[in-house]
Amino acid sequence: MGTALMYTFFKTLALPPFLLFAPFLAAWWLRKRRAGRILFALAIVLAWGLSTPFIGSRLLAALETMPALNRPLPQKAAIVALSAGIKHNAPEYGGETVDERTLLRLRYAVRLQRQSGLPLLVSGGRLRNADTSLGELMRRAAVEDFGLSDVWVEDASLNTWENARFSARLLKGKGVDTVILVTHAWHMPRAAAAFRAQGLTVLAAPTGFTDRAAAEWRAFLPMMNGLNDSFFALHEFLGRLYYRLRY
């Protein structure tokens, strides 16, 4: 089993929804023992907690350690927008398009490009079961929806490390060694470290900061947005650990 496949397998086991099912399965297996009853109670606490907006939003916000960009942009640099995911069933866009997270990053990158006039590079390869690379879909959105005329594309990467590696190769070939990096605030520390490891100077431009749920009774009830925040937070914690061990 390849390293990437092993990582995907263990990631599936370590993240919701399997992470929530596993303790219940173990509790059922040990149901005739005291340990099974304790594990069942812990499973309920875990499933309830990770499904609440209060916990989910705070887990995600804890990863947002880099502030919003608040300084003039350098004259010689490139803006780099990282992809997130794809929307496969988008017939109104011709079949496939970028997902909401990618669009959020792209919108901010385009804003910076218009303010500065710097070149924009979009980065993302072709995912499994996709017809078109994310980089190309981002380029189309930048041109067709945001009105840009010239966008650089990196379309071979399949993860954040490859985003950095392949983008650095393209940028250095164009004489660029400084990037204004655009991605979600909770993803930025790992992404910035990956780009710096490629010898680039990185100016972080995070977007998509998390709205922390107010400490009111509704925030402690299980909701899909709470579980969604918890998923991305745990995914990022796991990604940082994996990158620290691998790279």
Foldseek 3Di string as FASTA:
>chain_A
DDPVVVLVVVLVCCFPPNVLVVLLVVLVVCVVDPVSVVSVVVSVVVVLQLQFLQNLLVLLLVLLPDDADDDDDDLFAEAEFEADAKDQDDVVVPGIAGDPQSVQQLVVSLVVCVVRVHAYEYEFAADPPGPGTRQVRSVCCCCVVVNDDDHHYHYHDDDLLVSQVSVLVVQVVVVHQEYAYEHASSQQVVNCVSNVVNVGHYRYHHDDRGDNDDPDPRSSGRDNVSNVSSRVSSSNVSVVVVVVVPD
